[in-house]
Amino acid sequence: MKVTSKGQVTIPRDVRAAMGILPAETEVEFVKGENNNWYLKKVSGKSRELSRFRKAAKIGKLRMSTDEIMALTREA
């Protein structure tokens, strides 16, 4: 597998399917094992906090004013 100039690799489709990795929904991390090998680990979705924009998208309504939407994105 080749690494791009930006340090990116493509996780093969069968590996993504077996691990349940979904685009834009799943986070992964690299973990160093006891034998100095590196492993790809799927990060639990429950431990990951949503960004303020994703939170706003979940509660936003189509009929909201621009000011109401901006207020949602500014909440911490």
PDB file of N, CA and C in Angstrom:
ATOM      1  N   MET A   1       0.866  -1.163   0.000  1.00  0.00           N
ATOM      2  CA  MET A   1       0.000   0.000   0.000  1.00  0.00           C
ATOM      3  C   MET A   1       0.914   1.228   0.000  1.00  0.00           C
ATOM      4  N   LYS A   2       0.624   2.162  -0.875  1.00  0.00           N
ATOM      5  CA  LYS A   2       1.437   3.371  -0.985  1.00  0.00           C
ATOM      6  C   LYS A   2       0.912   4.461  -0.070  1.00  0.00           C
ATOM      7  N   VAL A   3       1.814   5.286   0.391  1.00  0.00           N
ATOM      8  CA  VAL A   3       1.487   6.442   1.213  1.00  0.00           C
ATOM      9  C   VAL A   3       1.603   7.678   0.336  1.00  0.00           C
ATOM     10  N   THR A   4       0.586   8.557   0.376  1.00  0.00           N
ATOM     11  CA  THR A   4       0.621   9.775  -0.446  1.00  0.00           C
ATOM     12  C   THR A   4       1.609  10.770   0.149  1.00  0.00           C
ATOM     13  N   SER A   5       1.863  11.834  -0.576  1.00  0.00           N
ATOM     14  CA  SER A   5       2.770  12.874  -0.090  1.00  0.00           C
ATOM     15  C   SER A   5       2.233  13.551   1.165  1.00  0.00           C
ATOM     16  N   LYS A   6       0.929  13.432   1.412  1.00  0.00           N
ATOM     17  CA  LYS A   6       0.318  13.997   2.618  1.00  0.00           C
ATOM     18  C   LYS A   6       0.270  12.986   3.762  1.00  0.00           C
ATOM     19  N   GLY A   7       0.858  11.806   3.563  1.00  0.00           N
ATOM     20  CA  GLY A   7       0.875  10.786   4.606  1.00  0.00           C
ATOM     21  C   GLY A   7      -0.413   9.994   4.697  1.00  0.00           C
ATOM     22  N   GLN A   8      -1.197   9.981   3.641  1.00  0.00           N
ATOM     23  CA  GLN A   8      -2.486   9.293   3.656  1.00  0.00           C
ATOM     24  C   GLN A   8      -2.395   7.925   2.997  1.00  0.00           C
ATOM     25  N   VAL A   9      -3.211   7.004   3.502  1.00  0.00           N
ATOM     26  CA  VAL A   9      -3.350   5.687   2.884  1.00  0.00           C
ATOM     27  C   VAL A   9      -4.840   5.377   2.765  1.00  0.00           C
ATOM     28  N   THR A  10      -5.179   4.479   1.873  1.00  0.00           N
ATOM     29  CA  THR A  10      -6.559   4.044   1.736  1.00  0.00           C
ATOM     30  C   THR A  10      -6.721   2.722   2.462  1.00  0.00           C
ATOM     31  N   ILE A  11      -7.685   2.673   3.388  1.00  0.00           N
ATOM     32  CA  ILE A  11      -7.985   1.424   4.090  1.00  0.00           C
ATOM     33  C   ILE A  11      -8.806   0.577   3.126  1.00  0.00           C
ATOM     34  N   PRO A  12      -8.353  -0.638   2.839  1.00  0.00           N
ATOM     35  CA  PRO A  12      -9.075  -1.473   1.870  1.00  0.00           C
ATOM     36  C   PRO A  12     -10.539  -1.696   2.274  1.00  0.00           C
ATOM     37  N   ARG A  13     -11.394  -1.813   1.279  1.00  0.00           N
ATOM     38  CA  ARG A  13     -12.839  -1.951   1.490  1.00  0.00           C
ATOM     39  C   ARG A  13     -13.176  -3.116   2.410  1.00  0.00           C
ATOM     40  N   ASP A  14     -12.538  -4.278   2.212  1.00  0.00           N
ATOM     41  CA  ASP A  14     -12.865  -5.435   3.046  1.00  0.00           C
ATOM     42  C   ASP A  14     -12.473  -5.219   4.505  1.00  0.00           C
ATOM     43  N   VAL A  15     -11.392  -4.482   4.739  1.00  0.00           N
ATOM     44  CA  VAL A  15     -10.977  -4.163   6.105  1.00  0.00           C
ATOM     45  C   VAL A  15     -11.976  -3.188   6.735  1.00  0.00           C
ATOM     46  N   ARG A  16     -12.377  -2.156   5.980  1.00  0.00           N
ATOM     47  CA  ARG A  16     -13.378  -1.203   6.487  1.00  0.00           C
ATOM     48  C   ARG A  16     -14.679  -1.910   6.837  1.00  0.00           C
ATOM     49  N   ALA A  17     -15.103  -2.830   5.964  1.00  0.00           N
ATOM     50  CA  ALA A  17     -16.347  -3.560   6.214  1.00  0.00           C
ATOM     51  C   ALA A  17     -16.228  -4.445   7.452  1.00  0.00           C
ATOM     52  N   ALA A  18     -15.113  -5.151   7.577  1.00  0.00           N
ATOM     53  CA  ALA A  18     -14.915  -6.050   8.715  1.00  0.00           C
ATOM     54  C   ALA A  18     -14.843  -5.288  10.037  1.00  0.00           C
ATOM     55  N   MET A  19     -14.277  -4.068  10.001  1.00  0.00           N
ATOM     56  CA  MET A  19     -14.125  -3.285  11.226  1.00  0.00           C
ATOM     57  C   MET A  19     -15.306  -2.356  11.478  1.00  0.00           C
ATOM     58  N   GLY A  20     -16.218  -2.251  10.500  1.00  0.00           N
ATOM     59  CA  GLY A  20     -17.358  -1.351  10.657  1.00  0.00           C
ATOM     60  C   GLY A  20     -16.965   0.113  10.568  1.00  0.00           C
ATOM     61  N   ILE A  21     -15.981   0.410   9.742  1.00  0.00           N
ATOM     62  CA  ILE A  21     -15.510   1.784   9.564  1.00  0.00           C
ATOM     63  C   ILE A  21     -16.365   2.459   8.491  1.00  0.00           C
ATOM     64  N   LEU A  22     -17.021   3.557   8.870  1.00  0.00           N
ATOM     65  CA  LEU A  22     -17.901   4.280   7.959  1.00  0.00           C
ATOM     66  C   LEU A  22     -17.335   5.666   7.662  1.00  0.00           C
ATOM     67  N   PRO A  23     -17.424   6.130   6.415  1.00  0.00           N
ATOM     68  CA  PRO A  23     -16.906   7.451   6.057  1.00  0.00           C
ATOM     69  C   PRO A  23     -17.594   8.551   6.850  1.00  0.00           C
ATOM     70  N   ALA A  24     -16.832   9.506   7.323  1.00  0.00           N
ATOM     71  CA  ALA A  24     -17.296  10.696   8.040  1.00  0.00           C
ATOM     72  C   ALA A  24     -17.967  10.379   9.376  1.00  0.00           C
ATOM     73  N   GLU A  25     -18.014   9.105   9.786  1.00  0.00           N
ATOM     74  CA  GLU A  25     -18.638   8.747  11.050  1.00  0.00           C
ATOM     75  C   GLU A  25     -17.683   8.072  12.012  1.00  0.00           C
ATOM     76  N   THR A  26     -16.648   7.439  11.495  1.00  0.00           N
ATOM     77  CA  THR A  26     -15.767   6.627  12.311  1.00  0.00           C
ATOM     78  C   THR A  26     -14.399   7.284  12.445  1.00  0.00           C
ATOM     79  N   GLU A  27     -13.869   7.245  13.655  1.00  0.00           N
ATOM     80  CA  GLU A  27     -12.495   7.692  13.875  1.00  0.00           C
ATOM     81  C   GLU A  27     -11.641   6.476  14.166  1.00  0.00           C
ATOM     82  N   VAL A  28     -10.408   6.533  13.711  1.00  0.00           N
ATOM     83  CA  VAL A  28      -9.453   5.468  13.984  1.00  0.00           C
ATOM     84  C   VAL A  28      -8.192   6.086  14.563  1.00  0.00           C
ATOM     85  N   GLU A  29      -7.414   5.257  15.237  1.00  0.00           N
ATOM     86  CA  GLU A  29      -6.127   5.723  15.750  1.00  0.00           C
ATOM     87  C   GLU A  29      -5.111   4.606  15.573  1.00  0.00           C
ATOM     88  N   PHE A  30      -3.853   4.975  15.592  1.00  0.00           N
ATOM     89  CA  PHE A  30      -2.776   4.005  15.493  1.00  0.00           C
ATOM     90  C   PHE A  30      -2.254   3.748  16.899  1.00  0.00           C
ATOM     91  N   VAL A  31      -2.104   2.454  17.228  1.00  0.00           N
ATOM     92  CA  VAL A  31      -1.667   2.042  18.555  1.00  0.00           C
ATOM     93  C   VAL A  31      -0.423   1.172  18.401  1.00  0.00           C
ATOM     94  N   LYS A  32       0.601   1.469  19.206  1.00  0.00           N
ATOM     95  CA  LYS A  32       1.828   0.676  19.167  1.00  0.00           C
ATOM     96  C   LYS A  32       1.696  -0.490  20.139  1.00  0.00           C
ATOM     97  N   GLY A  33       1.902  -1.706  19.632  1.00  0.00           N
ATOM     98  CA  GLY A  33       1.786  -2.909  20.451  1.00  0.00           C
ATOM     99  C   GLY A  33       3.074  -3.198  21.208  1.00  0.00           C
ATOM    100  N   GLU A  34       3.002  -4.197  22.069  1.00  0.00           N
ATOM    101  CA  GLU A  34       4.156  -4.587  22.886  1.00  0.00           C
ATOM    102  C   GLU A  34       5.336  -5.041  22.034  1.00  0.00           C
ATOM    103  N   ASN A  35       5.054  -5.602  20.875  1.00  0.00           N
ATOM    104  CA  ASN A  35       6.113  -6.117  20.002  1.00  0.00           C
ATOM    105  C   ASN A  35       6.611  -5.066  19.000  1.00  0.00           C
ATOM    106  N   ASN A  36       6.291  -3.785  19.265  1.00  0.00           N
ATOM    107  CA  ASN A  36       6.684  -2.652  18.420  1.00  0.00           C
ATOM    108  C   ASN A  36       6.000  -2.628  17.056  1.00  0.00           C
ATOM    109  N   ASN A  37       4.968  -3.447  16.860  1.00  0.00           N
ATOM    110  CA  ASN A  37       4.148  -3.351  15.653  1.00  0.00           C
ATOM    111  C   ASN A  37       3.073  -2.306  15.893  1.00  0.00           C
ATOM    112  N   TRP A  38       2.614  -1.676  14.813  1.00  0.00           N
ATOM    113  CA  TRP A  38       1.549  -0.681  14.901  1.00  0.00           C
ATOM    114  C   TRP A  38       0.245  -1.293  14.444  1.00  0.00           C
ATOM    115  N   TYR A  39      -0.848  -0.915  15.100  1.00  0.00           N
ATOM    116  CA  TYR A  39      -2.167  -1.445  14.807  1.00  0.00           C
ATOM    117  C   TYR A  39      -3.148  -0.311  14.590  1.00  0.00           C
ATOM    118  N   LEU A  40      -4.120  -0.565  13.728  1.00  0.00           N
ATOM    119  CA  LEU A  40      -5.204   0.376  13.491  1.00  0.00           C
ATOM    120  C   LEU A  40      -6.340   0.014  14.436  1.00  0.00           C
ATOM    121  N   LYS A  41      -6.813   0.990  15.208  1.00  0.00           N
ATOM    122  CA  LYS A  41      -7.869   0.740  16.186  1.00  0.00           C
ATOM    123  C   LYS A  41      -9.041   1.671  15.909  1.00  0.00           C
ATOM    124  N   LYS A  42     -10.225   1.106  15.874  1.00  0.00           N
ATOM    125  CA  LYS A  42     -11.442   1.905  15.709  1.00  0.00           C
ATOM    126  C   LYS A  42     -11.757   2.539  17.062  1.00  0.00           C
ATOM    127  N   VAL A  43     -11.978   3.862  17.050  1.00  0.00           N
ATOM    128  CA  VAL A  43     -12.292   4.583  18.279  1.00  0.00           C
ATOM    129  C   VAL A  43     -13.796   4.510  18.499  1.00  0.00           C
ATOM    130  N   SER A  44     -14.189   4.200  19.708  1.00  0.00           N
ATOM    131  CA  SER A  44     -15.602   4.089  20.040  1.00  0.00           C
ATOM    132  C   SER A  44     -16.302   5.415  19.793  1.00  0.00           C
ATOM    133  N   GLY A  45     -17.436   5.365  19.109  1.00  0.00           N
ATOM    134  CA  GLY A  45     -18.200   6.570  18.801  1.00  0.00           C
ATOM    135  C   GLY A  45     -18.723   7.269  20.036  1.00  0.00           C
ATOM    136  N   LYS A  46     -18.955   6.526  21.134  1.00  0.00           N
ATOM    137  CA  LYS A  46     -19.497   7.117  22.336  1.00  0.00           C
ATOM    138  C   LYS A  46     -18.480   8.007  23.040  1.00  0.00           C
ATOM    139  N   SER A  47     -17.194   7.684  22.926  1.00  0.00           N
ATOM    140  CA  SER A  47     -16.185   8.483  23.614  1.00  0.00           C
ATOM    141  C   SER A  47     -15.824   9.749  22.840  1.00  0.00           C
ATOM    142  N   ARG A  48     -16.234   9.788  21.586  1.00  0.00           N
ATOM    143  CA  ARG A  48     -15.912  10.925  20.731  1.00  0.00           C
ATOM    144  C   ARG A  48     -16.975  12.010  20.902  1.00  0.00           C
ATOM    145  N   GLU A  49     -16.533  13.210  21.213  1.00  0.00           N
ATOM    146  CA  GLU A  49     -17.480  14.310  21.367  1.00  0.00           C
ATOM    147  C   GLU A  49     -17.741  14.961  20.020  1.00  0.00           C
ATOM    148  N   LEU A  50     -19.002  15.250  19.756  1.00  0.00           N
ATOM    149  CA  LEU A  50     -19.362  15.898  18.504  1.00  0.00           C
ATOM    150  C   LEU A  50     -18.909  17.346  18.511  1.00  0.00           C
ATOM    151  N   SER A  51     -18.514  17.835  17.346  1.00  0.00           N
ATOM    152  CA  SER A  51     -18.163  19.244  17.234  1.00  0.00           C
ATOM    153  C   SER A  51     -19.422  20.082  17.403  1.00  0.00           C
ATOM    154  N   ARG A  52     -19.250  21.338  17.692  1.00  0.00           N
ATOM    155  CA  ARG A  52     -20.413  22.208  17.890  1.00  0.00           C
ATOM    156  C   ARG A  52     -21.252  22.320  16.613  1.00  0.00           C
ATOM    157  N   PHE A  53     -20.617  22.161  15.459  1.00  0.00           N
ATOM    158  CA  PHE A  53     -21.340  22.230  14.193  1.00  0.00           C
ATOM    159  C   PHE A  53     -22.191  20.987  13.975  1.00  0.00           C
ATOM    160  N   ARG A  54     -21.661  19.812  14.322  1.00  0.00           N
ATOM    161  CA  ARG A  54     -22.446  18.582  14.201  1.00  0.00           C
ATOM    162  C   ARG A  54     -23.611  18.592  15.197  1.00  0.00           C
ATOM    163  N   LYS A  55     -23.370  19.121  16.411  1.00  0.00           N
ATOM    164  CA  LYS A  55     -24.447  19.235  17.396  1.00  0.00           C
ATOM    165  C   LYS A  55     -25.549  20.143  16.852  1.00  0.00           C
ATOM    166  N   ALA A  56     -25.151  21.265  16.279  1.00  0.00           N
ATOM    167  CA  ALA A  56     -26.124  22.218  15.733  1.00  0.00           C
ATOM    168  C   ALA A  56     -26.906  21.589  14.583  1.00  0.00           C
ATOM    169  N   ALA A  57     -26.228  20.806  13.751  1.00  0.00           N
ATOM    170  CA  ALA A  57     -26.905  20.168  12.619  1.00  0.00           C
ATOM    171  C   ALA A  57     -27.958  19.180  13.093  1.00  0.00           C
ATOM    172  N   LYS A  58     -27.711  18.545  14.247  1.00  0.00           N
ATOM    173  CA  LYS A  58     -28.669  17.570  14.764  1.00  0.00           C
ATOM    174  C   LYS A  58     -29.917  18.233  15.329  1.00  0.00           C
ATOM    175  N   ILE A  59     -29.788  19.470  15.846  1.00  0.00           N
ATOM    176  CA  ILE A  59     -30.950  20.113  16.466  1.00  0.00           C
ATOM    177  C   ILE A  59     -31.509  21.266  15.640  1.00  0.00           C
ATOM    178  N   GLY A  60     -30.818  21.631  14.576  1.00  0.00           N
ATOM    179  CA  GLY A  60     -31.278  22.730  13.725  1.00  0.00           C
ATOM    180  C   GLY A  60     -32.554  22.375  12.970  1.00  0.00           C
ATOM    181  N   LYS A  61     -33.333  23.366  12.694  1.00  0.00           N
ATOM    182  CA  LYS A  61     -34.591  23.194  11.954  1.00  0.00           C
ATOM    183  C   LYS A  61     -34.530  23.998  10.653  1.00  0.00           C
ATOM    184  N   LEU A  62     -35.230  23.533   9.641  1.00  0.00           N
ATOM    185  CA  LEU A  62     -35.217  24.220   8.354  1.00  0.00           C
ATOM    186  C   LEU A  62     -35.801  25.627   8.445  1.00  0.00           C
ATOM    187  N   ARG A  63     -36.716  25.853   9.358  1.00  0.00           N
ATOM    188  CA  ARG A  63     -37.387  27.149   9.443  1.00  0.00           C
ATOM    189  C   ARG A  63     -36.691  28.121  10.403  1.00  0.00           C
ATOM    190  N   MET A  64     -35.499  27.794  10.840  1.00  0.00           N
ATOM    191  CA  MET A  64     -34.776  28.677  11.759  1.00  0.00           C
ATOM    192  C   MET A  64     -34.213  29.874  11.003  1.00  0.00           C
ATOM    193  N   SER A  65     -34.140  30.998  11.696  1.00  0.00           N
ATOM    194  CA  SER A  65     -33.543  32.188  11.090  1.00  0.00           C
ATOM    195  C   SER A  65     -32.024  32.048  11.112  1.00  0.00           C
ATOM    196  N   THR A  66     -31.369  32.867  10.342  1.00  0.00           N
ATOM    197  CA  THR A  66     -29.908  32.865  10.324  1.00  0.00           C
ATOM    198  C   THR A  66     -29.356  33.152  11.712  1.00  0.00           C
ATOM    199  N   ASP A  67     -29.946  34.095  12.422  1.00  0.00           N
ATOM    200  CA  ASP A  67     -29.493  34.422  13.780  1.00  0.00           C
ATOM    201  C   ASP A  67     -29.623  33.226  14.716  1.00  0.00           C
ATOM    202  N   GLU A  68     -30.706  32.458  14.599  1.00  0.00           N
ATOM    203  CA  GLU A  68     -30.895  31.275  15.437  1.00  0.00           C
ATOM    204  C   GLU A  68     -29.853  30.203  15.120  1.00  0.00           C
ATOM    205  N   ILE A  69     -29.569  30.020  13.855  1.00  0.00           N
ATOM    206  CA  ILE A  69     -28.556  29.044  13.452  1.00  0.00           C
ATOM    207  C   ILE A  69     -27.178  29.473  13.936  1.00  0.00           C
ATOM    208  N   MET A  70     -26.853  30.738  13.792  1.00  0.00           N
ATOM    209  CA  MET A  70     -25.552  31.242  14.253  1.00  0.00           C
ATOM    210  C   MET A  70     -25.420  31.076  15.762  1.00  0.00           C
ATOM    211  N   ALA A  71     -26.504  31.294  16.497  1.00  0.00           N
ATOM    212  CA  ALA A  71     -26.481  31.110  17.953  1.00  0.00           C
ATOM    213  C   ALA A  71     -26.151  29.655  18.308  1.00  0.00           C
ATOM    214  N   LEU A  72     -26.690  28.699  17.548  1.00  0.00           N
ATOM    215  CA  LEU A  72     -26.388  27.297  17.800  1.00  0.00           C
ATOM    216  C   LEU A  72     -24.908  26.986  17.613  1.00  0.00           C
ATOM    217  N   THR A  73     -24.300  27.547  16.555  1.00  0.00           N
ATOM    218  CA  THR A  73     -22.895  27.252  16.283  1.00  0.00           C
ATOM    219  C   THR A  73     -21.971  27.963  17.247  1.00  0.00           C
ATOM    220  N   ARG A  74     -22.435  29.002  17.900  1.00  0.00           N
ATOM    221  CA  ARG A  74     -21.579  29.740  18.837  1.00  0.00           C
ATOM    222  C   ARG A  74     -21.616  29.177  20.244  1.00  0.00           C
ATOM    223  N   GLU A  75     -22.585  28.297  20.542  1.00  0.00           N
ATOM    224  CA  GLU A  75     -22.654  27.712  21.872  1.00  0.00           C
ATOM    225  C   GLU A  75     -21.469  26.794  22.091  1.00  0.00           C
ATOM    226  N   ALA A  76     -20.953  26.809  23.291  1.00  0.00           N
ATOM    227  CA  ALA A  76     -19.788  25.976  23.614  1.00  0.00           C
ATOM    228  C   ALA A  76     -20.191  24.671  24.219  1.00  0.00           C
TER     229      ALA A  76
END
